[in-house]
Amino acid sequence: MRDTRTIATTAVATVLSLFLAGCATSAHSAVSESTPSIQTSTSPAPPPPPTRLASNVPMKRLAPGEKPPQFILFSFDGVGVSKNWDLFLRTAAESDARFTALMTGRYFLTDANRREYQGPGYQPGEAAIAFGGTKKNVIEQITYLNRTWYGGHEMGTHFVGHFCAGTRNPGKSWTSAEWRHELAQFFRLMTQWRALNGIRTGPDLAFGPEVVKGARTQCLEGSMKTIFPALRAFDMTWDSSMPASRPGVYWPTKINGIWEFPVPYVWSPALKQRQTALDYNFWYSVNQATDRPADRKRIAHVVTSTFDYMLRRAYEGNRAPLVIANHLNTWNGNAFNPATAAFMKRACTKPDVICATHQDVIAWMGLQDPAVLKKWRSMAPVAVDAHR
């Protein structure tokens, strides 16, 4: 905060000087006049800087026999400006929830400066989906990221180019060196967005690259063998990209220094089948990802009934953290986000349920007696089928 200084005007300074001079020439004379009052003007104090909302996870060790909280980990891939971002910021504030915003590097670049990004095996400016638009759009993106950070939420990465299967050099084929290249590109765009775009107005980004500790790859593609060394090279600690190693909801595992939080492959009561619990995958299961507004209500029911089933099974069973993976896209008439927000508001206000960030859950696990945590982690997965 800048100091607010009281500045006397030139006229007042002159009057005061003359007055003191007069006093000096009549030092031995009685002065009958009262000391004149001096008027000053001050500008209003600037508002205090924003304060980041504190963690909502009680950082303490479980007592013997005590059940862990039921953690829910909401995360959003890409986080481009949309009304759904407002929806989740508002819903999280109302329900004391925290979520993870997985930033895409493209949105730090204007369309005009897209050539500042070069993906592995691609020409400068190539990407599978859009860049950040105009300078005004990039500034708006920064503003939303700051709101998210100050709201207590976690910032992760969704990388940059979004090169999935079907592109010339998809992420599933990348070497560890190519993943490191992609991450280096992401952090360059994140930290140098002003210079790269020639933007001199608007707010600075409220956080730095040191807060980015986790990732989700495009289309859940890639392998631990190639991605995890790249994450470790940038001092990252968790990932949520790998296919679930088994059906159901179960506790995360630390593999080669990286905590893996897979998107769960669970029973969906509405679909009467197992389902990867990611919004796009739900959409594909309902109507092959076809934009069909008539299916909006059914999609919402599939999403919320599956999430409710996952939560009930975990809450009553192994208390494993639930991974809820989503986008902010308005797919199929915005079928997914209002349904997911309704689940957030309903679930995050239940007793013993904490909607937290990945980093906070990792920190909480680090405080627990390893034997106690091992016991919980050894429990069977839940939401595997219609009966367990």
Protein backbone atom coordinates (compact mmCIF):
# COMPACT_ATOMS: atom_id res chain seq x y z
CA MET A 1 0.00 0.00 0.00
CA ARG A 2 1.39 3.44 -0.83
CA ASP A 3 1.70 6.03 2.04
CA THR A 4 -0.82 8.86 1.90
CA ARG A 5 1.03 12.09 2.55
CA THR A 6 -0.61 15.37 3.72
CA ILE A 7 0.58 18.07 1.35
CA ALA A 8 0.18 21.74 2.17
CA THR A 9 -0.70 23.97 -0.73
CA THR A 10 1.74 26.61 -1.99
CA ALA A 11 -0.49 29.41 -0.76
CA VAL A 12 -0.70 28.04 2.75
CA ALA A 13 3.07 27.53 2.86
CA THR A 14 3.54 31.22 1.88
CA VAL A 15 1.13 32.46 4.55
CA LEU A 16 2.87 30.37 7.20
CA SER A 17 6.29 31.69 6.13
CA LEU A 18 5.15 35.32 6.38
CA PHE A 19 3.51 34.71 9.72
CA LEU A 20 6.65 33.18 11.23
CA ALA A 21 8.76 36.03 9.84
CA GLY A 22 6.49 38.55 11.54
CA CYS A 23 6.80 36.72 14.82
CA ALA A 24 10.58 36.81 14.54
CA THR A 25 10.72 40.68 14.13
CA SER A 26 8.48 41.27 17.18
CA ALA A 27 9.96 38.72 19.50
CA HIS A 28 9.88 41.19 22.46
CA SER A 29 6.36 42.46 21.73
CA ALA A 30 3.13 41.01 23.07
CA VAL A 31 1.23 39.12 20.40
CA SER A 32 -2.51 39.53 20.77
CA GLU A 33 -3.55 37.69 17.63
CA SER A 34 -4.34 33.98 17.84
CA THR A 35 -2.29 31.53 15.72
CA PRO A 36 -4.05 31.14 12.37
CA SER A 37 -5.40 27.65 11.59
CA ILE A 38 -3.87 25.95 8.54
CA GLN A 39 -6.20 23.98 6.27
CA THR A 40 -4.85 20.83 4.64
CA SER A 41 -6.36 18.45 2.14
CA THR A 42 -5.93 14.66 2.05
CA SER A 43 -6.91 12.12 -0.58
CA PRO A 44 -8.91 9.04 0.44
CA ALA A 45 -6.81 6.09 1.53
CA PRO A 46 -6.63 3.39 -1.14
CA PRO A 47 -8.46 0.12 -0.37
CA PRO A 48 -6.40 -2.59 1.32
CA PRO A 49 -4.96 -5.27 -0.97
CA PRO A 50 -7.04 -8.44 -1.34
CA THR A 51 -6.36 -11.27 1.07
CA ARG A 52 -6.42 -14.88 -0.10
CA LEU A 53 -9.07 -17.02 1.58
CA ALA A 54 -7.48 -19.53 3.95
CA SER A 55 -7.58 -23.30 3.58
CA ASN A 56 -10.75 -25.06 4.73
CA VAL A 57 -8.92 -28.29 5.71
CA PRO A 58 -8.22 -28.84 9.44
CA MET A 59 -4.52 -29.71 9.39
CA LYS A 60 -4.43 -32.20 12.25
CA ARG A 61 -3.69 -35.88 12.79
CA LEU A 62 -6.66 -38.22 13.19
CA ALA A 63 -7.27 -39.54 16.67
CA PRO A 64 -7.23 -43.35 17.08
CA GLY A 65 -10.41 -44.75 15.53
CA GLU A 66 -11.43 -41.40 14.01
CA LYS A 67 -12.76 -41.39 10.46
CA PRO A 68 -11.13 -39.09 7.92
CA PRO A 69 -13.17 -36.29 6.40
CA GLN A 70 -14.85 -37.06 3.11
CA PHE A 71 -12.80 -34.96 0.71
CA ILE A 72 -14.15 -33.92 -2.69
CA LEU A 73 -11.74 -32.56 -5.29
CA PHE A 74 -13.45 -30.42 -7.92
CA SER A 75 -11.25 -29.44 -10.87
CA PHE A 76 -11.86 -27.60 -14.13
CA ASP A 77 -9.80 -28.12 -17.29
CA GLY A 78 -8.78 -25.06 -19.28
CA VAL A 79 -10.70 -22.37 -17.36
CA GLY A 80 -11.51 -19.88 -20.09
CA VAL A 81 -13.72 -16.92 -19.23
CA SER A 82 -17.40 -17.92 -19.17
CA LYS A 83 -20.55 -17.51 -17.12
CA ASN A 84 -19.82 -20.95 -15.68
CA TRP A 85 -16.64 -19.64 -14.04
CA ASP A 86 -18.80 -17.06 -12.25
CA LEU A 87 -21.22 -19.84 -11.32
CA PHE A 88 -18.55 -21.94 -9.59
CA LEU A 89 -16.87 -18.99 -7.89
CA ARG A 90 -20.23 -18.03 -6.47
CA THR A 91 -21.27 -21.57 -5.54
CA ALA A 92 -17.91 -22.30 -3.88
CA ALA A 93 -18.17 -19.12 -1.80
CA GLU A 94 -21.68 -20.07 -0.69
CA SER A 95 -20.67 -23.60 0.35
CA ASP A 96 -17.12 -22.99 1.68
CA ALA A 97 -15.75 -25.12 -1.14
CA ARG A 98 -12.34 -24.94 -2.81
CA PHE A 99 -11.57 -26.19 -6.31
CA THR A 100 -8.63 -26.48 -8.70
CA ALA A 101 -8.39 -24.33 -11.82
CA LEU A 102 -6.25 -26.11 -14.43
CA MET A 103 -4.98 -23.23 -16.54
CA THR A 104 -4.30 -23.49 -20.26
CA GLY A 105 -1.29 -21.58 -21.54
CA ARG A 106 -3.00 -20.48 -24.78
CA TYR A 107 -5.21 -18.03 -22.91
CA PHE A 108 -2.15 -16.02 -21.86
CA LEU A 109 -1.57 -15.13 -25.55
CA THR A 110 -3.62 -12.94 -27.85
CA ASP A 111 -4.53 -14.36 -31.24
CA ALA A 112 -2.15 -11.86 -32.82
CA ASN A 113 0.76 -13.20 -30.76
CA ARG A 114 -0.01 -16.89 -31.05
CA ARG A 115 3.36 -17.56 -32.68
CA GLU A 116 4.99 -17.03 -29.29
CA TYR A 117 3.92 -20.62 -28.53
CA GLN A 118 5.46 -23.62 -30.24
CA GLY A 119 4.30 -27.10 -29.26
CA PRO A 120 6.45 -30.23 -29.51
CA GLY A 121 6.76 -31.16 -33.19
CA TYR A 122 4.65 -28.20 -34.35
CA GLN A 123 5.20 -24.87 -36.05
CA PRO A 124 4.99 -21.63 -34.04
CA GLY A 125 1.36 -20.64 -33.43
CA GLU A 126 -0.14 -24.08 -34.04
CA ALA A 127 -2.64 -25.37 -31.48
CA ALA A 128 -5.63 -27.70 -31.55
CA ILE A 129 -8.01 -25.12 -30.08
CA ALA A 130 -8.25 -21.33 -29.76
CA PHE A 131 -5.90 -18.79 -28.22
CA GLY A 132 -6.77 -15.90 -25.89
CA GLY A 133 -8.45 -13.44 -28.29
CA THR A 134 -7.73 -9.73 -27.90
CA LYS A 135 -5.65 -7.86 -25.34
CA LYS A 136 -8.88 -7.03 -23.54
CA ASN A 137 -9.76 -10.75 -23.43
CA VAL A 138 -6.36 -11.64 -21.95
CA ILE A 139 -6.73 -8.97 -19.27
CA GLU A 140 -10.17 -10.36 -18.44
CA GLN A 141 -8.64 -13.84 -18.16
CA ILE A 142 -6.04 -12.52 -15.71
CA THR A 143 -8.79 -10.87 -13.68
CA TYR A 144 -10.69 -14.17 -13.38
CA LEU A 145 -7.53 -16.07 -12.45
CA ASN A 146 -6.88 -13.53 -9.68
CA ARG A 147 -10.44 -13.84 -8.38
CA THR A 148 -9.97 -17.59 -8.28
CA TRP A 149 -6.66 -17.36 -6.45
CA TYR A 150 -7.95 -14.92 -3.85
CA GLY A 151 -11.00 -17.17 -3.39
CA GLY A 152 -8.67 -19.80 -1.91
CA HIS A 153 -8.66 -22.11 -4.93
CA GLU A 154 -5.72 -24.00 -6.37
CA MET A 155 -4.01 -23.19 -9.67
CA GLY A 156 -2.77 -26.10 -11.80
CA THR A 157 -1.91 -26.58 -15.46
CA HIS A 158 -3.76 -28.08 -18.41
CA PHE A 159 -0.65 -27.49 -20.56
CA VAL A 160 -0.96 -25.48 -23.80
CA GLY A 161 -1.59 -26.93 -27.26
CA HIS A 162 -4.26 -29.52 -26.43
CA PHE A 163 -2.91 -31.99 -28.98
CA CYS A 164 -5.06 -35.12 -28.56
CA ALA A 165 -5.30 -38.33 -30.56
CA GLY A 166 -5.87 -37.52 -34.23
CA THR A 167 -3.44 -34.59 -34.32
CA ARG A 168 -0.07 -34.87 -36.03
CA ASN A 169 1.92 -35.41 -32.83
CA PRO A 170 -0.52 -36.19 -29.99
CA GLY A 171 0.47 -35.97 -26.35
CA LYS A 172 0.04 -39.70 -25.86
CA SER A 173 3.13 -40.16 -28.08
CA TRP A 174 5.31 -37.48 -26.47
CA THR A 175 8.63 -38.26 -24.85
CA SER A 176 9.52 -36.90 -21.42
CA ALA A 177 11.62 -34.23 -23.16
CA GLU A 178 8.56 -33.13 -25.16
CA TRP A 179 6.46 -32.88 -22.00
CA ARG A 180 9.22 -30.79 -20.39
CA HIS A 181 9.20 -28.57 -23.48
CA GLU A 182 5.43 -28.13 -23.20
CA LEU A 183 5.64 -27.26 -19.51
CA ALA A 184 8.44 -24.78 -20.19
CA GLN A 185 6.19 -23.15 -22.78
CA PHE A 186 3.32 -22.99 -20.29
CA PHE A 187 5.38 -21.32 -17.57
CA ARG A 188 6.92 -18.88 -20.06
CA LEU A 189 3.48 -17.77 -21.21
CA MET A 190 2.25 -17.54 -17.63
CA THR A 191 5.13 -15.38 -16.41
CA GLN A 192 5.82 -13.26 -19.53
CA TRP A 193 2.29 -12.63 -20.78
CA ARG A 194 2.64 -8.84 -20.51
CA ALA A 195 5.83 -8.62 -22.57
CA LEU A 196 4.71 -11.22 -25.11
CA ASN A 197 1.47 -9.35 -25.81
CA GLY A 198 2.63 -5.77 -25.25
CA ILE A 199 0.03 -5.33 -22.51
CA ARG A 200 0.72 -2.51 -20.03
CA THR A 201 -2.70 -2.06 -18.46
CA GLY A 202 -4.85 -4.14 -16.16
CA PRO A 203 -3.88 -6.12 -13.05
CA ASP A 204 -0.76 -8.19 -12.63
CA LEU A 205 -1.17 -11.91 -12.09
CA ALA A 206 -1.57 -12.35 -8.33
CA PHE A 207 0.51 -15.52 -8.07
CA GLY A 208 3.63 -17.03 -9.57
CA PRO A 209 4.69 -20.36 -11.09
CA GLU A 210 5.75 -21.69 -7.70
CA VAL A 211 2.08 -22.28 -6.75
CA VAL A 212 1.45 -24.60 -9.71
CA LYS A 213 1.98 -28.10 -8.31
CA GLY A 214 -0.43 -30.26 -10.31
CA ALA A 215 -1.59 -31.06 -13.82
CA ARG A 216 -4.09 -32.78 -16.04
CA THR A 217 -3.10 -33.59 -19.60
CA GLN A 218 -5.27 -32.96 -22.65
CA CYS A 219 -7.82 -35.76 -23.18
CA LEU A 220 -6.24 -37.71 -20.26
CA GLU A 221 -3.47 -38.80 -22.61
CA GLY A 222 0.13 -39.67 -21.82
CA SER A 223 1.93 -42.10 -19.54
CA MET A 224 3.48 -41.96 -16.09
CA LYS A 225 6.81 -42.99 -17.62
CA THR A 226 7.00 -39.85 -19.75
CA ILE A 227 4.92 -37.29 -17.83
CA PHE A 228 6.09 -37.80 -14.24
CA PRO A 229 9.78 -36.99 -14.87
CA ALA A 230 8.65 -33.77 -16.56
CA LEU A 231 6.47 -32.84 -13.58
CA ARG A 232 9.30 -33.50 -11.15
CA ALA A 233 11.62 -31.31 -13.27
CA PHE A 234 9.30 -28.37 -12.51
CA ASP A 235 8.93 -29.22 -8.80
CA MET A 236 5.35 -30.43 -9.21
CA THR A 237 3.78 -32.96 -6.85
CA TRP A 238 0.53 -34.33 -8.28
CA ASP A 239 -1.23 -35.42 -11.46
CA SER A 240 -4.81 -36.24 -12.40
CA SER A 241 -4.41 -37.60 -15.93
CA MET A 242 -3.92 -41.33 -15.77
CA PRO A 243 -6.70 -43.83 -16.47
CA ALA A 244 -7.99 -45.38 -13.26
CA SER A 245 -6.01 -48.55 -12.56
CA ARG A 246 -9.17 -50.28 -11.30
CA PRO A 247 -12.91 -49.55 -11.12
CA GLY A 248 -14.37 -47.55 -8.26
CA VAL A 249 -13.30 -44.81 -5.88
CA TYR A 250 -10.09 -45.43 -3.93
CA TRP A 251 -7.35 -43.47 -2.18
CA PRO A 252 -4.63 -41.78 -4.29
CA THR A 253 -1.19 -43.33 -4.65
CA LYS A 254 2.26 -41.75 -4.70
CA ILE A 255 4.22 -43.06 -7.69
CA ASN A 256 7.82 -42.04 -8.34
CA GLY A 257 7.39 -38.88 -6.28
CA ILE A 258 4.05 -37.83 -7.83
CA TRP A 259 0.64 -38.27 -6.21
CA GLU A 260 -1.80 -39.65 -8.78
CA PHE A 261 -5.49 -38.69 -8.46
CA PRO A 262 -7.10 -40.59 -11.36
CA VAL A 263 -10.45 -39.56 -12.78
CA PRO A 264 -12.59 -42.42 -11.40
CA TYR A 265 -14.16 -45.16 -13.47
CA VAL A 266 -17.34 -45.87 -11.51
CA TRP A 267 -20.83 -47.31 -11.65
CA SER A 268 -23.41 -44.90 -13.02
CA PRO A 269 -26.92 -45.80 -11.80
CA ALA A 270 -28.60 -43.79 -14.56
CA LEU A 271 -26.54 -45.40 -17.33
CA LYS A 272 -26.49 -48.85 -15.67
CA GLN A 273 -22.83 -49.25 -16.59
CA ARG A 274 -19.37 -48.20 -15.48
CA GLN A 275 -18.41 -44.75 -16.61
CA THR A 276 -15.36 -42.46 -16.55
CA ALA A 277 -16.63 -39.59 -14.41
CA LEU A 278 -15.58 -36.75 -16.71
CA ASP A 279 -18.17 -34.47 -18.29
CA TYR A 280 -17.13 -35.14 -21.89
CA ASN A 281 -17.20 -38.90 -21.28
CA PHE A 282 -20.70 -38.65 -19.80
CA TRP A 283 -21.75 -36.74 -22.88
CA TYR A 284 -20.31 -39.34 -25.19
CA SER A 285 -22.09 -42.13 -23.31
CA VAL A 286 -25.46 -40.38 -23.56
CA ASN A 287 -25.46 -39.35 -27.23
CA GLN A 288 -21.92 -39.72 -28.68
CA ALA A 289 -21.12 -36.09 -27.77
CA THR A 290 -23.75 -34.71 -30.15
CA ASP A 291 -25.14 -31.25 -29.45
CA ARG A 292 -28.73 -32.26 -28.83
CA PRO A 293 -30.60 -29.82 -26.55
CA ALA A 294 -33.39 -32.33 -26.00
CA ASP A 295 -30.90 -34.46 -24.04
CA ARG A 296 -29.96 -31.69 -21.61
CA LYS A 297 -32.23 -32.84 -18.79
CA ARG A 298 -31.18 -36.46 -19.13
CA ILE A 299 -27.49 -35.54 -19.11
CA ALA A 300 -27.94 -33.51 -15.94
CA HIS A 301 -29.65 -36.47 -14.29
CA VAL A 302 -26.87 -38.86 -15.35
CA VAL A 303 -24.20 -36.53 -13.95
CA THR A 304 -25.81 -35.76 -10.59
CA SER A 305 -27.03 -39.31 -9.91
CA THR A 306 -23.53 -40.67 -10.60
CA PHE A 307 -21.88 -38.08 -8.35
CA ASP A 308 -24.44 -38.71 -5.59
CA TYR A 309 -23.80 -42.44 -5.82
CA MET A 310 -20.02 -41.96 -5.65
CA LEU A 311 -20.37 -39.72 -2.60
CA ARG A 312 -22.74 -42.02 -0.73
CA ARG A 313 -20.58 -45.09 -1.29
CA ALA A 314 -17.37 -43.30 -0.28
CA TYR A 315 -18.90 -41.51 2.71
CA GLU A 316 -20.34 -44.74 4.10
CA GLY A 317 -17.31 -46.82 3.09
CA ASN A 318 -13.62 -46.07 2.50
CA ARG A 319 -13.82 -42.24 2.69
CA ALA A 320 -11.52 -42.01 -0.35
CA PRO A 321 -11.35 -38.51 -1.90
CA LEU A 322 -13.74 -38.04 -4.82
CA VAL A 323 -12.26 -36.57 -7.99
CA ILE A 324 -14.88 -34.51 -9.86
CA ALA A 325 -13.39 -33.51 -13.23
CA ASN A 326 -15.15 -30.93 -15.37
CA HIS A 327 -14.82 -28.22 -18.02
CA LEU A 328 -16.44 -24.80 -18.11
CA ASN A 329 -17.74 -25.41 -21.64
CA THR A 330 -21.42 -24.96 -22.43
CA TRP A 331 -21.70 -28.36 -24.10
CA ASN A 332 -25.14 -29.62 -25.08
CA GLY A 333 -26.98 -26.49 -23.98
CA ASN A 334 -24.84 -26.13 -20.83
CA ALA A 335 -26.08 -29.46 -19.53
CA PHE A 336 -23.12 -30.16 -17.23
CA ASN A 337 -22.16 -27.12 -15.21
CA PRO A 338 -25.43 -26.19 -13.48
CA ALA A 339 -25.82 -29.87 -12.54
CA THR A 340 -22.27 -30.03 -11.15
CA ALA A 341 -22.70 -26.73 -9.30
CA ALA A 342 -25.91 -28.03 -7.71
CA PHE A 343 -23.99 -31.11 -6.55
CA MET A 344 -21.22 -28.88 -5.15
CA LYS A 345 -23.68 -26.83 -3.13
CA ARG A 346 -25.50 -29.92 -1.86
CA ALA A 347 -22.44 -32.05 -1.09
CA CYS A 348 -20.00 -29.51 0.30
CA THR A 349 -22.36 -28.46 3.08
CA LYS A 350 -22.84 -32.00 4.44
CA PRO A 351 -21.29 -32.89 7.81
CA ASP A 352 -17.74 -34.29 7.58
CA VAL A 353 -17.50 -33.38 3.87
CA ILE A 354 -14.75 -30.97 2.80
CA CYS A 355 -14.47 -29.79 -0.80
CA ALA A 356 -10.74 -29.15 -0.90
CA THR A 357 -7.72 -28.62 -3.13
CA HIS A 358 -5.28 -31.34 -4.12
CA GLN A 359 -2.41 -29.63 -2.32
CA ASP A 360 -4.37 -29.42 0.91
CA VAL A 361 -5.36 -33.08 0.76
CA ILE A 362 -1.71 -34.02 0.14
CA ALA A 363 -0.64 -31.88 3.11
CA TRP A 364 -3.34 -33.47 5.29
CA MET A 365 -2.25 -36.98 4.32
CA GLY A 366 1.32 -36.05 5.25
CA LEU A 367 0.21 -35.35 8.82
CA GLN A 368 -1.43 -38.72 9.38
CA ASP A 369 0.03 -41.73 11.12
CA PRO A 370 1.31 -43.82 8.17
CA ALA A 371 -0.20 -46.97 9.68
CA VAL A 372 -3.62 -45.36 10.01
CA LEU A 373 -3.50 -43.95 6.48
CA LYS A 374 -2.34 -47.32 5.17
CA LYS A 375 -5.38 -48.93 6.75
CA TRP A 376 -7.74 -46.55 4.97
CA ARG A 377 -5.87 -46.86 1.70
CA SER A 378 -6.06 -50.65 1.88
CA MET A 379 -9.87 -50.61 1.92
CA ALA A 380 -11.63 -51.88 -1.18
CA PRO A 381 -12.79 -49.41 -3.84
CA VAL A 382 -16.41 -48.29 -3.68
CA ALA A 383 -18.97 -47.38 -6.37
CA VAL A 384 -17.63 -50.30 -8.40
CA ASP A 385 -21.06 -51.60 -9.35
CA ALA A 386 -24.71 -51.37 -8.27
CA HIS A 387 -24.06 -53.24 -5.00
CA ARG A 388 -20.71 -52.05 -3.68
